[in-house]
């Protein structure tokens, strides 16, 4: 039976995701917070694409099969971003939660 309530993206702990990111630099790491939040501190290698601009992702990243990890401050906005990405036909999307739980290095601008 088809479950219409099934999420169309995966979820993963941000620190577990960090290990995968270290092993696979081809994963697109999206920080969906505001530019001010991003500039105050973000995960190394992340790209800032705020939630309110997420629908424009196809212009810069048209490969809908590329593996994408999304995060925000607590995990709520990244969940919303993952829902949008799934609706835009991105096939390998993972919500890794919030930077508040991150135990690794933070980069600032």
C-alpha atoms as a PDB file:
ATOM      1  CA  UNK A   1       0.000   0.000   0.000  1.00  0.00           C
ATOM      2  CA  UNK A   2       1.258   3.471  -0.892  1.00  0.00           C
ATOM      3  CA  UNK A   3       1.776   5.732   2.100  1.00  0.00           C
ATOM      4  CA  UNK A   4       0.967   9.324   1.134  1.00  0.00           C
ATOM      5  CA  UNK A   5       2.350  10.552   4.460  1.00  0.00           C
ATOM      6  CA  UNK A   6       5.817   9.067   3.938  1.00  0.00           C
ATOM      7  CA  UNK A   7       8.557  11.679   3.958  1.00  0.00           C
ATOM      8  CA  UNK A   8      10.352  11.941   0.652  1.00  0.00           C
ATOM      9  CA  UNK A   9      13.711  12.598   2.253  1.00  0.00           C
ATOM     10  CA  UNK A  10      15.968  10.973   4.798  1.00  0.00           C
ATOM     11  CA  UNK A  11      17.014  12.265   8.205  1.00  0.00           C
ATOM     12  CA  UNK A  12      20.396  11.806   9.802  1.00  0.00           C
ATOM     13  CA  UNK A  13      22.287  13.113  12.816  1.00  0.00           C
ATOM     14  CA  UNK A  14      24.478  16.078  11.866  1.00  0.00           C
ATOM     15  CA  UNK A  15      27.600  14.541  13.427  1.00  0.00           C
ATOM     16  CA  UNK A  16      27.112  11.233  11.616  1.00  0.00           C
ATOM     17  CA  UNK A  17      26.614  13.242   8.439  1.00  0.00           C
ATOM     18  CA  UNK A  18      29.894  15.027   9.137  1.00  0.00           C
ATOM     19  CA  UNK A  19      31.717  11.711   8.912  1.00  0.00           C
ATOM     20  CA  UNK A  20      30.093  11.012   5.535  1.00  0.00           C
ATOM     21  CA  UNK A  21      30.966  14.493   4.305  1.00  0.00           C
ATOM     22  CA  UNK A  22      34.619  13.904   5.192  1.00  0.00           C
ATOM     23  CA  UNK A  23      34.569  10.712   3.120  1.00  0.00           C
ATOM     24  CA  UNK A  24      32.555  12.060   0.176  1.00  0.00           C
ATOM     25  CA  UNK A  25      33.337  15.648  -0.885  1.00  0.00           C
ATOM     26  CA  UNK A  26      30.773  15.391  -3.713  1.00  0.00           C
ATOM     27  CA  UNK A  27      27.853  15.720  -1.285  1.00  0.00           C
ATOM     28  CA  UNK A  28      26.262  19.153  -1.635  1.00  0.00           C
ATOM     29  CA  UNK A  29      26.028  20.624   1.867  1.00  0.00           C
ATOM     30  CA  UNK A  30      23.345  23.310   2.090  1.00  0.00           C
ATOM     31  CA  UNK A  31      22.985  25.754   4.970  1.00  0.00           C
ATOM     32  CA  UNK A  32      19.418  27.029   4.625  1.00  0.00           C
ATOM     33  CA  UNK A  33      19.703  29.740   7.284  1.00  0.00           C
ATOM     34  CA  UNK A  34      19.836  33.463   6.541  1.00  0.00           C
ATOM     35  CA  UNK A  35      23.062  35.000   5.201  1.00  0.00           C
ATOM     36  CA  UNK A  36      23.639  36.710   8.575  1.00  0.00           C
ATOM     37  CA  UNK A  37      23.355  33.387  10.418  1.00  0.00           C
ATOM     38  CA  UNK A  38      25.623  31.716   7.870  1.00  0.00           C
ATOM     39  CA  UNK A  39      28.265  34.446   8.162  1.00  0.00           C
ATOM     40  CA  UNK A  40      28.232  34.144  11.959  1.00  0.00           C
ATOM     41  CA  UNK A  41      29.303  30.488  11.701  1.00  0.00           C
ATOM     42  CA  UNK A  42      28.705  27.542   9.406  1.00  0.00           C
ATOM     43  CA  UNK A  43      29.936  24.040   8.635  1.00  0.00           C
ATOM     44  CA  UNK A  44      33.095  24.012   6.514  1.00  0.00           C
ATOM     45  CA  UNK A  45      32.306  23.399   2.864  1.00  0.00           C
ATOM     46  CA  UNK A  46      28.666  24.408   3.140  1.00  0.00           C
ATOM     47  CA  UNK A  47      26.843  26.598   0.635  1.00  0.00           C
ATOM     48  CA  UNK A  48      24.388  29.192   1.904  1.00  0.00           C
ATOM     49  CA  UNK A  49      21.028  28.835   0.170  1.00  0.00           C
ATOM     50  CA  UNK A  50      18.389  30.362   2.461  1.00  0.00           C
ATOM     51  CA  UNK A  51      15.071  28.581   2.764  1.00  0.00           C
ATOM     52  CA  UNK A  52      13.240  31.469   1.101  1.00  0.00           C
ATOM     53  CA  UNK A  53      15.456  31.032  -2.004  1.00  0.00           C
ATOM     54  CA  UNK A  54      15.599  27.207  -2.082  1.00  0.00           C
ATOM     55  CA  UNK A  55      13.287  26.914  -5.091  1.00  0.00           C
ATOM     56  CA  UNK A  56      15.995  28.547  -7.219  1.00  0.00           C
ATOM     57  CA  UNK A  57      18.424  25.665  -6.591  1.00  0.00           C
ATOM     58  CA  UNK A  58      17.983  24.141 -10.063  1.00  0.00           C
ATOM     59  CA  UNK A  59      19.636  27.134 -11.701  1.00  0.00           C
ATOM     60  CA  UNK A  60      22.915  26.491  -9.890  1.00  0.00           C
ATOM     61  CA  UNK A  61      22.625  22.754  -9.129  1.00  0.00           C
ATOM     62  CA  UNK A  62      20.552  21.134 -11.896  1.00  0.00           C
ATOM     63  CA  UNK A  63      21.616  17.522 -11.175  1.00  0.00           C
ATOM     64  CA  UNK A  64      18.544  16.206  -9.363  1.00  0.00           C
ATOM     65  CA  UNK A  65      20.303  12.941  -8.475  1.00  0.00           C
ATOM     66  CA  UNK A  66      23.156  14.636  -6.611  1.00  0.00           C
ATOM     67  CA  UNK A  67      23.348  13.781  -2.939  1.00  0.00           C
ATOM     68  CA  UNK A  68      22.276  16.769  -0.817  1.00  0.00           C
ATOM     69  CA  UNK A  69      22.560  17.310   2.939  1.00  0.00           C
ATOM     70  CA  UNK A  70      20.635  20.298   4.362  1.00  0.00           C
ATOM     71  CA  UNK A  71      20.948  21.874   7.797  1.00  0.00           C
ATOM     72  CA  UNK A  72      19.817  24.989   9.645  1.00  0.00           C
ATOM     73  CA  UNK A  73      19.877  26.168  13.262  1.00  0.00           C
ATOM     74  CA  UNK A  74      17.674  23.502  14.858  1.00  0.00           C
ATOM     75  CA  UNK A  75      16.422  21.282  12.024  1.00  0.00           C
ATOM     76  CA  UNK A  76      13.014  22.824  11.268  1.00  0.00           C
ATOM     77  CA  UNK A  77      13.993  24.949   8.264  1.00  0.00           C
ATOM     78  CA  UNK A  78      16.169  22.183   6.841  1.00  0.00           C
ATOM     79  CA  UNK A  79      13.169  19.840   7.047  1.00  0.00           C
ATOM     80  CA  UNK A  80      11.077  22.363   5.145  1.00  0.00           C
ATOM     81  CA  UNK A  81      13.904  22.756   2.592  1.00  0.00           C
ATOM     82  CA  UNK A  82      14.082  18.977   2.123  1.00  0.00           C
ATOM     83  CA  UNK A  83      10.339  18.848   1.486  1.00  0.00           C
ATOM     84  CA  UNK A  84      10.702  21.515  -1.194  1.00  0.00           C
ATOM     85  CA  UNK A  85      13.708  19.754  -2.749  1.00  0.00           C
ATOM     86  CA  UNK A  86      11.762  16.491  -2.896  1.00  0.00           C
ATOM     87  CA  UNK A  87       8.851  18.300  -4.598  1.00  0.00           C
ATOM     88  CA  UNK A  88      11.368  19.707  -7.095  1.00  0.00           C
ATOM     89  CA  UNK A  89      12.307  16.078  -7.924  1.00  0.00           C
ATOM     90  CA  UNK A  90      15.663  15.957  -6.130  1.00  0.00           C
ATOM     91  CA  UNK A  91      16.055  12.268  -5.355  1.00  0.00           C
ATOM     92  CA  UNK A  92      18.791  11.985  -2.689  1.00  0.00           C
ATOM     93  CA  UNK A  93      18.001  14.565  -0.021  1.00  0.00           C
ATOM     94  CA  UNK A  94      18.842  14.278   3.685  1.00  0.00           C
ATOM     95  CA  UNK A  95      17.902  16.584   6.553  1.00  0.00           C
ATOM     96  CA  UNK A  96      20.889  16.517   8.901  1.00  0.00           C
ATOM     97  CA  UNK A  97      19.262  18.778  11.474  1.00  0.00           C
ATOM     98  CA  UNK A  98      20.654  21.787  13.262  1.00  0.00           C
ATOM     99  CA  UNK A  99      24.073  23.305  13.677  1.00  0.00           C
ATOM    100  CA  UNK A 100      23.355  23.647  17.417  1.00  0.00           C
ATOM    101  CA  UNK A 101      24.117  19.920  17.753  1.00  0.00           C
ATOM    102  CA  UNK A 102      27.331  20.076  15.666  1.00  0.00           C
ATOM    103  CA  UNK A 103      30.438  18.972  17.567  1.00  0.00           C
ATOM    104  CA  UNK A 104      32.987  19.795  14.863  1.00  0.00           C
ATOM    105  CA  UNK A 105      34.680  22.846  13.456  1.00  0.00           C
ATOM    106  CA  UNK A 106      32.696  25.976  12.604  1.00  0.00           C
ATOM    107  CA  UNK A 107      33.861  28.398   9.916  1.00  0.00           C
ATOM    108  CA  UNK A 108      33.036  32.118   9.951  1.00  0.00           C
ATOM    109  CA  UNK A 109      33.095  34.767   7.250  1.00  0.00           C
END
